[in-house]
Amino acid sequence: MDTSALLINVMLYLFLPLWGIAGFADWCCHRATKIEITSGIKESLMHSLMGIQMGIPIILCLLYDVNVLILLICIITWISHEIVAHCDVRYAAPQREISIWEMHAHTYLGSLPLYMLISIIVINWAEFQQLITFNWAGNMSLTLVSEPHGTSSYLPAYLTFMALLCVFPYVEENLRCLKAHFKKGI
């Protein structure tokens, strides 16, 4: 197995699932600290935004060949995710307890996207060189991958896994926070 295939498998079967598990652990911590009555809907919406920020490049890299356009999206969404993560903790820290378990979850939620971005750059080094040398002509389109990453059932299985561990719990968190927000009459 060549290095690129090995890195792809590490991302598919280690980094991506760990990111989902860390997201679920983070949600459990929010629930335990009653986010709906402490930091509320504003923090909950930041969590959803960060999930979307990382979900977009993940889906794009799973469905399309990585080129300059995909790399730009990956880098921009990673930077914006880091900015929102900083704002999230800055907003939440004075309003509710951030437990040691939540800090550990944040370690994974912050580092895994960086590891994945670096891995994508290493795997697609020629495209990265085109990006940094502004050789973008012909590299700004979306081309579906010829063969799915992992197995043909990987993407549906991963999307189901993420829906169960992250999407549904964070939708529930948003609804719980929204209900508490309206209950306060604010």
Protein backbone atom coordinates (compact mmCIF):
# COMPACT_ATOMS: atom_id res chain seq x y z
CA MET A 1 0.00 0.00 0.00
CA ASP A 2 1.47 3.36 -0.98
CA THR A 3 1.66 6.31 1.43
CA SER A 4 -1.28 8.18 -0.14
CA ALA A 5 -3.57 5.15 0.17
CA LEU A 6 -2.41 4.64 3.75
CA LEU A 7 -3.12 8.29 4.65
CA ILE A 8 -6.55 8.10 3.01
CA ASN A 9 -7.38 4.99 5.05
CA VAL A 10 -6.16 6.67 8.25
CA MET A 11 -8.47 9.60 7.54
CA LEU A 12 -11.44 7.40 6.60
CA TYR A 13 -11.21 4.84 9.35
CA LEU A 14 -9.49 6.74 12.19
CA PHE A 15 -9.63 10.55 11.95
CA LEU A 16 -13.19 10.92 10.62
CA PRO A 17 -14.77 8.50 13.13
CA LEU A 18 -12.75 10.01 16.01
CA TRP A 19 -13.97 13.46 15.03
CA GLY A 20 -17.58 12.22 15.23
CA ILE A 21 -16.98 10.51 18.58
CA ALA A 22 -15.36 13.68 19.96
CA GLY A 23 -18.35 15.69 18.72
CA PHE A 24 -20.72 13.33 20.53
CA ALA A 25 -18.64 13.52 23.72
CA ASP A 26 -18.74 17.33 23.46
CA TRP A 27 -22.54 17.22 23.06
CA CYS A 28 -22.78 15.01 26.19
CA CYS A 29 -20.78 17.63 28.11
CA HIS A 30 -23.05 20.43 26.88
CA ARG A 31 -26.06 18.45 28.00
CA ALA A 32 -24.52 17.74 31.41
CA THR A 33 -23.84 21.46 31.99
CA LYS A 34 -27.38 22.39 30.88
CA ILE A 35 -26.29 24.57 27.98
CA GLU A 36 -29.94 25.52 27.38
CA ILE A 37 -30.08 27.49 30.65
CA THR A 38 -26.48 28.71 30.76
CA SER A 39 -24.88 29.90 27.52
CA GLY A 40 -27.95 29.01 25.47
CA ILE A 41 -28.85 29.18 21.81
CA LYS A 42 -25.96 31.43 20.78
CA GLU A 43 -23.35 28.86 21.80
CA SER A 44 -25.42 25.99 20.43
CA LEU A 45 -25.62 27.68 17.03
CA MET A 46 -21.84 28.16 17.06
CA HIS A 47 -21.48 24.39 17.56
CA SER A 48 -23.71 23.73 14.57
CA LEU A 49 -21.81 26.26 12.48
CA MET A 50 -18.50 24.55 13.30
CA GLY A 51 -19.94 21.17 12.31
CA ILE A 52 -21.09 22.61 8.98
CA GLN A 53 -17.72 24.31 8.47
CA MET A 54 -15.94 20.96 8.72
CA GLY A 55 -18.68 18.93 7.06
CA ILE A 56 -18.42 20.85 3.79
CA PRO A 57 -14.75 20.03 3.03
CA ILE A 58 -15.18 16.46 4.28
CA ILE A 59 -18.05 15.81 1.87
CA LEU A 60 -16.25 17.61 -0.98
CA CYS A 61 -13.09 15.53 -0.48
CA LEU A 62 -15.10 12.31 -0.34
CA LEU A 63 -17.07 13.08 -3.53
CA TYR A 64 -14.68 15.07 -5.74
CA ASP A 65 -11.09 14.94 -6.93
CA VAL A 66 -9.00 17.33 -4.87
CA ASN A 67 -7.81 20.30 -6.89
CA VAL A 68 -7.03 23.97 -6.18
CA LEU A 69 -10.71 24.79 -5.62
CA ILE A 70 -11.19 21.98 -3.08
CA LEU A 71 -7.94 22.89 -1.30
CA LEU A 72 -8.99 26.54 -1.08
CA ILE A 73 -12.33 25.52 0.42
CA CYS A 74 -10.56 23.19 2.89
CA ILE A 75 -8.15 25.89 4.03
CA ILE A 76 -10.77 28.65 4.28
CA THR A 77 -13.21 26.46 6.21
CA TRP A 78 -10.47 25.28 8.57
CA ILE A 79 -9.43 28.89 9.32
CA SER A 80 -13.04 29.97 9.81
CA HIS A 81 -13.65 26.93 12.05
CA GLU A 82 -10.71 27.95 14.25
CA ILE A 83 -12.06 31.51 14.54
CA VAL A 84 -15.52 30.28 15.54
CA ALA A 85 -14.01 27.75 17.99
CA HIS A 86 -12.13 30.58 19.69
CA CYS A 87 -15.30 32.70 19.86
CA ASP A 88 -17.27 29.71 21.18
CA VAL A 89 -14.98 29.04 24.15
CA ARG A 90 -14.55 32.74 24.85
CA TYR A 91 -18.34 33.15 24.97
CA ALA A 92 -19.10 29.97 26.94
CA ALA A 93 -16.33 29.97 29.57
CA PRO A 94 -17.78 32.75 31.76
CA GLN A 95 -21.32 31.35 31.48
CA ARG A 96 -20.97 27.65 32.24
CA GLU A 97 -18.49 25.10 33.49
CA ILE A 98 -16.26 23.63 30.80
CA SER A 99 -15.28 20.28 32.31
CA ILE A 100 -12.01 18.47 31.84
CA TRP A 101 -13.89 15.98 29.62
CA GLU A 102 -15.14 18.78 27.41
CA MET A 103 -11.61 20.21 27.19
CA HIS A 104 -10.38 16.81 26.03
CA ALA A 105 -13.16 16.63 23.43
CA HIS A 106 -12.15 20.11 22.23
CA THR A 107 -8.57 18.89 21.84
CA TYR A 108 -9.74 16.30 19.31
CA LEU A 109 -12.30 18.59 17.67
CA GLY A 110 -9.59 21.18 17.07
CA SER A 111 -6.64 18.97 16.15
CA LEU A 112 -8.28 16.34 13.92
CA PRO A 113 -9.40 18.86 11.26
CA LEU A 114 -5.82 20.18 11.12
CA TYR A 115 -4.42 16.63 10.80
CA MET A 116 -6.90 15.90 8.03
CA LEU A 117 -6.06 19.15 6.21
CA ILE A 118 -2.34 18.41 6.40
CA SER A 119 -2.94 14.84 5.18
CA ILE A 120 -5.03 16.11 2.25
CA ILE A 121 -2.25 18.54 1.34
CA VAL A 122 0.41 15.81 1.51
CA ILE A 123 -1.68 13.42 -0.60
CA ASN A 124 -2.38 16.17 -3.14
CA TRP A 125 1.03 17.85 -3.09
CA ALA A 126 1.02 18.74 -6.80
CA GLU A 127 -2.35 20.47 -6.42
CA PHE A 128 -1.09 22.30 -3.31
CA GLN A 129 1.92 23.55 -5.28
CA GLN A 130 -0.48 24.82 -7.95
CA LEU A 131 -2.45 26.58 -5.23
CA ILE A 132 0.52 28.39 -3.69
CA THR A 133 2.03 29.31 -7.08
CA PHE A 134 -1.35 30.65 -8.27
CA ASN A 135 -1.45 28.15 -11.13
CA TRP A 136 -5.22 27.90 -10.83
CA ALA A 137 -6.23 27.70 -14.49
CA GLY A 138 -8.22 24.52 -15.12
CA ASN A 139 -8.15 23.64 -11.41
CA MET A 140 -11.33 25.34 -10.24
CA SER A 141 -14.00 22.79 -11.15
CA LEU A 142 -15.69 19.90 -9.39
CA THR A 143 -14.92 16.47 -10.83
CA LEU A 144 -16.47 13.43 -9.20
CA VAL A 145 -13.99 10.81 -7.98
CA SER A 146 -13.73 7.88 -10.37
CA GLU A 147 -13.79 5.35 -7.52
CA PRO A 148 -15.26 5.98 -4.08
CA HIS A 149 -12.84 6.33 -1.18
CA GLY A 150 -12.83 3.29 1.06
CA THR A 151 -15.53 0.98 -0.22
CA SER A 152 -18.67 1.76 -2.18
CA SER A 153 -20.61 1.60 1.10
CA TYR A 154 -18.23 3.87 3.05
CA LEU A 155 -19.95 7.20 2.33
CA PRO A 156 -23.49 6.06 3.26
CA ALA A 157 -22.13 4.33 6.38
CA TYR A 158 -20.13 7.40 7.41
CA LEU A 159 -23.05 9.77 6.80
CA THR A 160 -25.31 7.52 8.90
CA PHE A 161 -22.68 7.36 11.65
CA MET A 162 -22.34 11.17 11.68
CA ALA A 163 -26.11 11.69 11.60
CA LEU A 164 -26.51 9.49 14.68
CA LEU A 165 -23.52 10.81 16.62
CA CYS A 166 -23.51 14.49 15.65
CA VAL A 167 -26.31 15.80 13.45
CA PHE A 168 -29.27 14.51 15.47
CA PRO A 169 -27.73 15.34 18.88
CA TYR A 170 -26.83 18.90 17.82
CA VAL A 171 -30.26 19.45 16.26
CA GLU A 172 -31.68 18.29 19.61
CA GLU A 173 -29.35 20.73 21.41
CA ASN A 174 -30.47 23.60 19.19
CA LEU A 175 -34.15 22.75 19.78
CA ARG A 176 -33.61 22.40 23.54
CA CYS A 177 -31.83 25.79 23.63
CA LEU A 178 -34.43 27.43 21.42
CA LYS A 179 -37.24 26.14 23.66
CA ALA A 180 -35.47 27.48 26.77
CA HIS A 181 -34.83 30.80 24.99
CA PHE A 182 -38.53 31.25 24.18
CA LYS A 183 -39.55 30.04 27.63
CA LYS A 184 -37.50 32.91 29.13
CA GLY A 185 -39.43 35.27 26.88
CA ILE A 186 -36.31 36.90 25.51
